């Protein structure tokens, strides 16, 4: 089995500030994906959504701004830790896939011992953020460890690793919600469900970059499972996302004026389907990255509802 590593993949091209960082720290910045900030956004956004949605009816204050900053720092630390852990587990697979062959562990620019040490430092930073939250939020956050630990193995045993990623990557919704409200409420579960289906959609789009190499090395994904029918499946995922996000607004008794930013969110979400061509890796990457704007629009929707309450 021979992979064509001359075929450069969009998400592996060196083109960021990390490529100009001091040589000694460059592999660690790449290990934590500091050269690809979209992941930090996609981890922080569900936290902010849970925070502001929980405050619909009570308004936002300076304490919520403090929490928002904590979640931003926590997202940076834990996304980096998650990527480092994923690379430790996947180092042999990464070496056989064109897009991931240049990752530090696969390429040998950091040792396994160094990677474990770096993982420990990032996890410690995340823990320091977590313990600033109320006890119920701390316990909720710790419950995610099993999801995180199991995620790298999902693509080996199921065609739906994107669903597990949805469960894991959006755990910030319940953590932030209970930090703000102190309780688990119906709106929380509606929003968490919405984010799971959102992740199913955008990560299926992302996975289409790797579908050819994944087939060769035996990695499973929804992109491979759906194939050319992916746009129909993603349309369904995004429809459920919009319905559950709307249900969150309803359950939180949001102001009718929230429908304006919600309409912008929904339009941006479905514009991804209009543009999608699963065979175009560069386009898939561009659409995937556009979900930062999608998420910010939903944060703005909930924030407007909270401020108008």
Protein backbone atom coordinates (compact mmCIF):
# COMPACT_ATOMS: atom_id res chain seq x y z
CA UNK A 1 0.00 0.00 0.00
CA UNK A 2 1.54 3.28 -1.10
CA UNK A 3 0.19 6.76 -0.32
CA UNK A 4 0.97 9.74 -2.50
CA UNK A 5 2.62 12.23 -0.15
CA UNK A 6 3.38 14.56 -3.06
CA UNK A 7 -0.30 15.40 -3.08
CA UNK A 8 -0.37 18.31 -0.64
CA UNK A 9 -3.56 18.64 1.36
CA UNK A 10 -5.01 22.07 2.15
CA UNK A 11 -4.89 21.72 5.94
CA UNK A 12 -1.24 20.62 6.03
CA UNK A 13 0.34 23.52 4.19
CA UNK A 14 2.74 25.68 6.30
CA UNK A 15 1.35 29.20 6.19
CA UNK A 16 0.97 30.62 9.71
CA UNK A 17 2.87 32.50 12.41
CA UNK A 18 3.93 29.16 13.89
CA UNK A 19 6.24 28.65 10.92
CA UNK A 20 8.13 31.80 12.04
CA UNK A 21 8.29 30.88 15.74
CA UNK A 22 11.61 29.81 17.37
CA UNK A 23 12.58 26.39 16.11
CA UNK A 24 12.71 24.82 19.60
CA UNK A 25 9.04 25.51 20.38
CA UNK A 26 7.62 25.15 16.87
CA UNK A 27 6.85 21.39 17.15
CA UNK A 28 4.92 21.98 20.40
CA UNK A 29 2.87 24.79 18.86
CA UNK A 30 2.01 22.45 16.00
CA UNK A 31 1.24 19.60 18.39
CA UNK A 32 -1.35 21.82 20.11
CA UNK A 33 -2.57 23.15 16.72
CA UNK A 34 -1.83 26.78 17.49
CA UNK A 35 -1.41 27.15 13.75
CA UNK A 36 -5.06 26.17 13.27
CA UNK A 37 -7.14 28.35 15.62
CA UNK A 38 -10.52 27.22 14.27
CA UNK A 39 -10.43 24.35 16.78
CA UNK A 40 -10.11 26.77 19.69
CA UNK A 41 -13.15 28.64 18.41
CA UNK A 42 -15.22 25.49 17.98
CA UNK A 43 -14.43 24.45 21.56
CA UNK A 44 -15.03 27.89 23.11
CA UNK A 45 -18.22 28.72 21.22
CA UNK A 46 -20.40 26.03 22.86
CA UNK A 47 -19.21 27.29 26.26
CA UNK A 48 -20.27 30.82 25.40
CA UNK A 49 -23.58 29.55 24.03
CA UNK A 50 -24.34 27.69 27.24
CA UNK A 51 -23.32 30.70 29.32
CA UNK A 52 -25.49 33.27 27.55
CA UNK A 53 -28.45 30.94 26.89
CA UNK A 54 -28.64 30.09 30.59
CA UNK A 55 -28.92 33.82 31.32
CA UNK A 56 -31.94 34.41 29.10
CA UNK A 57 -34.50 35.83 31.50
CA UNK A 58 -31.96 37.14 33.99
CA UNK A 59 -29.61 39.23 31.84
CA UNK A 60 -25.83 39.38 31.59
CA UNK A 61 -23.37 40.93 34.05
CA UNK A 62 -19.66 41.35 34.71
CA UNK A 63 -19.51 37.92 36.30
CA UNK A 64 -20.56 36.40 33.00
CA UNK A 65 -17.77 38.26 31.23
CA UNK A 66 -15.31 36.74 33.70
CA UNK A 67 -16.70 33.29 32.98
CA UNK A 68 -16.49 33.93 29.23
CA UNK A 69 -12.79 34.77 29.57
CA UNK A 70 -12.19 31.67 31.68
CA UNK A 71 -13.87 29.51 29.04
CA UNK A 72 -11.72 31.07 26.32
CA UNK A 73 -8.52 30.25 28.22
CA UNK A 74 -9.82 26.79 29.06
CA UNK A 75 -10.70 26.13 25.42
CA UNK A 76 -7.17 26.99 24.33
CA UNK A 77 -5.62 24.75 26.99
CA UNK A 78 -7.93 21.78 26.53
CA UNK A 79 -8.07 21.87 22.76
CA UNK A 80 -4.28 21.79 22.73
CA UNK A 81 -4.30 18.95 25.26
CA UNK A 82 -6.88 17.05 23.25
CA UNK A 83 -4.89 17.39 20.03
CA UNK A 84 -1.70 16.29 21.80
CA UNK A 85 -3.43 13.22 23.26
CA UNK A 86 -5.03 12.41 19.91
CA UNK A 87 -1.63 12.59 18.20
CA UNK A 88 -0.06 10.34 20.82
CA UNK A 89 -2.68 7.67 20.18
CA UNK A 90 -2.76 8.17 16.39
CA UNK A 91 0.94 8.64 15.70
CA UNK A 92 1.21 5.51 13.55
CA UNK A 93 -1.97 6.27 11.59
CA UNK A 94 -0.96 9.91 11.11
CA UNK A 95 2.28 8.84 9.45
CA UNK A 96 0.23 7.05 6.77
CA UNK A 97 -2.16 9.91 5.88
CA UNK A 98 -1.00 12.78 3.65
CA UNK A 99 -2.66 15.59 5.64
CA UNK A 100 -1.27 14.39 8.98
CA UNK A 101 2.14 12.95 8.03
CA UNK A 102 3.88 16.23 8.97
CA UNK A 103 2.50 16.29 12.52
CA UNK A 104 5.32 16.38 15.10
CA UNK A 105 4.94 12.88 16.52
CA UNK A 106 4.38 11.26 13.14
CA UNK A 107 7.35 13.16 11.70
CA UNK A 108 9.57 12.53 14.73
CA UNK A 109 10.21 16.19 15.63
CA UNK A 110 9.12 15.50 19.24
CA UNK A 111 9.50 12.30 21.24
CA UNK A 112 6.66 10.40 22.87
CA UNK A 113 8.01 11.34 26.32
CA UNK A 114 8.08 15.03 25.39
CA UNK A 115 4.52 14.82 24.08
CA UNK A 116 3.26 13.27 27.32
CA UNK A 117 4.98 16.01 29.31
CA UNK A 118 3.44 18.72 27.14
CA UNK A 119 0.04 17.07 27.55
CA UNK A 120 0.45 17.20 31.33
CA UNK A 121 1.26 20.92 31.30
CA UNK A 122 -1.76 21.76 29.15
CA UNK A 123 -4.06 19.60 31.26
CA UNK A 124 -2.81 21.38 34.40
CA UNK A 125 -3.66 24.74 32.80
CA UNK A 126 -7.15 23.46 32.01
CA UNK A 127 -7.60 22.22 35.57
CA UNK A 128 -6.58 25.60 36.98
CA UNK A 129 -9.33 27.19 34.89
CA UNK A 130 -11.91 24.56 35.87
CA UNK A 131 -11.44 25.01 39.61
CA UNK A 132 -12.39 28.70 39.29
CA UNK A 133 -15.97 27.55 38.57
CA UNK A 134 -18.72 26.51 41.01
CA UNK A 135 -18.53 22.94 42.34
CA UNK A 136 -21.39 21.66 40.18
CA UNK A 137 -19.59 22.93 37.07
CA UNK A 138 -16.29 21.40 38.20
CA UNK A 139 -17.91 17.98 38.63
CA UNK A 140 -19.67 18.32 35.27
CA UNK A 141 -16.39 19.21 33.59
CA UNK A 142 -14.56 16.24 35.10
CA UNK A 143 -17.25 13.92 33.74
CA UNK A 144 -15.98 14.69 30.23
CA UNK A 145 -12.67 12.92 30.81
CA UNK A 146 -14.07 9.53 29.74
CA UNK A 147 -15.38 11.03 26.50
CA UNK A 148 -12.02 12.66 25.78
CA UNK A 149 -10.05 9.51 26.58
CA UNK A 150 -12.16 7.33 24.28
CA UNK A 151 -12.40 9.69 21.29
CA UNK A 152 -9.19 8.73 19.40
CA UNK A 153 -10.29 5.09 19.33
CA UNK A 154 -13.74 5.75 17.85
CA UNK A 155 -12.58 5.92 14.24
CA UNK A 156 -11.23 2.39 14.65
CA UNK A 157 -14.47 0.83 15.90
CA UNK A 158 -17.37 2.86 14.48
CA UNK A 159 -18.35 4.68 11.30
CA UNK A 160 -19.64 7.52 13.51
CA UNK A 161 -16.56 9.04 15.24
CA UNK A 162 -18.02 12.47 14.39
CA UNK A 163 -20.93 11.72 16.71
CA UNK A 164 -18.53 10.98 19.58
CA UNK A 165 -16.68 14.19 18.77
CA UNK A 166 -20.01 16.01 19.05
CA UNK A 167 -20.57 14.58 22.52
CA UNK A 168 -17.03 15.52 23.56
CA UNK A 169 -16.37 18.85 21.87
CA UNK A 170 -19.62 20.42 23.09
CA UNK A 171 -19.35 19.42 26.75
CA UNK A 172 -18.74 23.08 27.42
CA UNK A 173 -22.50 23.64 27.00
CA UNK A 174 -23.50 21.87 30.24
CA UNK A 175 -20.38 23.09 32.09
CA UNK A 176 -21.08 26.73 31.25
CA UNK A 177 -24.84 26.41 31.72
CA UNK A 178 -24.62 25.02 35.25
CA UNK A 179 -21.87 27.51 36.10
CA UNK A 180 -24.30 30.29 35.23
CA UNK A 181 -27.57 28.85 36.52
CA UNK A 182 -26.57 26.23 39.08
CA UNK A 183 -28.94 23.64 37.64
CA UNK A 184 -29.66 21.32 34.71
CA UNK A 185 -32.62 22.65 32.73
CA UNK A 186 -34.53 21.50 29.61
CA UNK A 187 -32.97 24.26 27.52
CA UNK A 188 -29.52 22.90 28.33
CA UNK A 189 -30.34 19.50 26.82
CA UNK A 190 -31.90 21.09 23.74
CA UNK A 191 -28.79 23.22 23.16
CA UNK A 192 -26.40 20.34 23.80
CA UNK A 193 -28.31 18.25 21.25
CA UNK A 194 -28.18 21.11 18.74
CA UNK A 195 -24.41 21.35 19.10
CA UNK A 196 -23.93 17.58 18.68
CA UNK A 197 -25.73 17.69 15.31
CA UNK A 198 -23.83 20.83 14.33
CA UNK A 199 -20.56 19.00 14.96
CA UNK A 200 -21.81 15.98 13.02
CA UNK A 201 -22.32 18.29 10.07
CA UNK A 202 -19.15 20.35 10.10
CA UNK A 203 -16.82 17.49 10.99
CA UNK A 204 -18.26 15.34 8.19
CA UNK A 205 -17.38 18.20 5.83
CA UNK A 206 -13.87 18.33 7.33
CA UNK A 207 -13.41 14.56 7.07
CA UNK A 208 -13.94 14.64 3.30
CA UNK A 209 -10.38 15.96 3.00
CA UNK A 210 -9.09 12.59 4.23
CA UNK A 211 -11.63 10.14 2.80
CA UNK A 212 -9.26 8.71 0.17
CA UNK A 213 -6.37 8.10 2.57
CA UNK A 214 -8.73 6.98 5.35
CA UNK A 215 -10.04 4.25 3.05
CA UNK A 216 -6.48 3.05 2.42
CA UNK A 217 -5.48 2.87 6.09
CA UNK A 218 -8.84 1.63 7.37
CA UNK A 219 -9.97 4.71 9.29
CA UNK A 220 -13.76 5.08 9.51
CA UNK A 221 -15.73 8.32 9.28
CA UNK A 222 -19.16 9.62 8.38
CA UNK A 223 -17.57 11.15 5.25
CA UNK A 224 -16.67 7.66 4.05
CA UNK A 225 -19.99 6.25 5.22
CA UNK A 226 -22.11 8.83 3.39
CA UNK A 227 -19.85 9.36 0.37
CA UNK A 228 -21.52 11.36 -2.38
CA UNK A 229 -24.72 11.48 -0.34
CA UNK A 230 -23.06 13.59 2.37
CA UNK A 231 -24.84 16.84 1.40
CA UNK A 232 -28.22 15.22 2.13
CA UNK A 233 -27.09 13.89 5.50
CA UNK A 234 -25.46 17.18 6.47
CA UNK A 235 -28.63 19.02 5.47
CA UNK A 236 -30.51 16.80 7.93
CA UNK A 237 -27.98 17.37 10.68
CA UNK A 238 -28.13 21.12 10.19
CA UNK A 239 -31.93 21.09 10.13
CA UNK A 240 -31.97 19.34 13.51
CA UNK A 241 -29.36 21.85 14.73
CA UNK A 242 -31.59 24.79 13.80
CA UNK A 243 -34.73 23.18 15.25
CA UNK A 244 -33.07 22.38 18.59
CA UNK A 245 -31.43 25.82 18.81
CA UNK A 246 -34.86 27.35 18.19
CA UNK A 247 -36.33 25.05 20.85
CA UNK A 248 -33.70 26.37 23.28
CA UNK A 249 -34.94 29.90 22.66
CA UNK A 250 -38.53 28.76 23.18
CA UNK A 251 -37.77 26.90 26.40
CA UNK A 252 -35.92 29.93 27.74
CA UNK A 253 -38.84 32.21 26.83
CA UNK A 254 -36.63 34.42 24.67
CA UNK A 255 -37.77 37.74 23.24
CA UNK A 256 -39.38 37.53 19.77
CA UNK A 257 -36.67 39.92 18.55
CA UNK A 258 -34.16 37.08 18.91
CA UNK A 259 -35.59 35.66 15.69
CA UNK A 260 -33.59 38.23 13.69
CA UNK A 261 -30.08 37.02 14.63
CA UNK A 262 -31.44 33.45 14.69
CA UNK A 263 -32.48 33.82 11.05
CA UNK A 264 -28.95 34.99 10.17
CA UNK A 265 -27.51 31.98 12.00
CA UNK A 266 -29.80 29.58 10.13
CA UNK A 267 -29.07 31.18 6.77
CA UNK A 268 -25.32 30.98 7.34
CA UNK A 269 -25.67 27.36 8.41
CA UNK A 270 -27.53 26.26 5.30
CA UNK A 271 -25.36 28.32 2.98
CA UNK A 272 -22.68 25.74 3.74
CA UNK A 273 -24.83 23.09 2.04
CA UNK A 274 -25.35 25.31 -0.99
CA UNK A 275 -21.59 25.69 -1.43
CA UNK A 276 -20.53 22.13 -0.55
CA UNK A 277 -18.70 19.88 -2.99
CA UNK A 278 -17.38 16.83 -1.07
CA UNK A 279 -14.80 16.15 -3.80
CA UNK A 280 -13.15 19.58 -3.36
CA UNK A 281 -10.82 19.39 -0.34
CA UNK A 282 -9.91 23.08 -0.37
CA UNK A 283 -13.58 24.06 -0.43
CA UNK A 284 -14.40 21.60 2.36
CA UNK A 285 -11.71 23.19 4.53
CA UNK A 286 -13.01 26.68 3.78
CA UNK A 287 -16.59 25.70 4.63
CA UNK A 288 -15.46 23.96 7.80
CA UNK A 289 -13.62 27.09 8.95
CA UNK A 290 -16.70 29.23 8.24
CA UNK A 291 -18.37 27.57 11.22
CA UNK A 292 -16.63 30.10 13.44
CA UNK A 293 -19.01 32.68 12.00
CA UNK A 294 -21.94 30.26 12.29
CA UNK A 295 -21.20 29.76 15.98
CA UNK A 296 -20.69 33.45 16.67
CA UNK A 297 -24.09 34.18 15.12
CA UNK A 298 -25.73 31.73 17.52
CA UNK A 299 -23.85 33.23 20.47
CA UNK A 300 -25.11 36.64 19.33
CA UNK A 301 -28.65 35.23 19.14
CA UNK A 302 -28.59 34.03 22.73
CA UNK A 303 -26.80 37.16 23.93
CA UNK A 304 -29.45 39.38 22.31
CA UNK A 305 -32.16 37.29 23.96
CA UNK A 306 -30.42 37.60 27.34
CA UNK A 307 -29.94 41.35 27.01
CA UNK A 308 -33.54 41.86 25.92
CA UNK A 309 -34.94 39.79 28.80
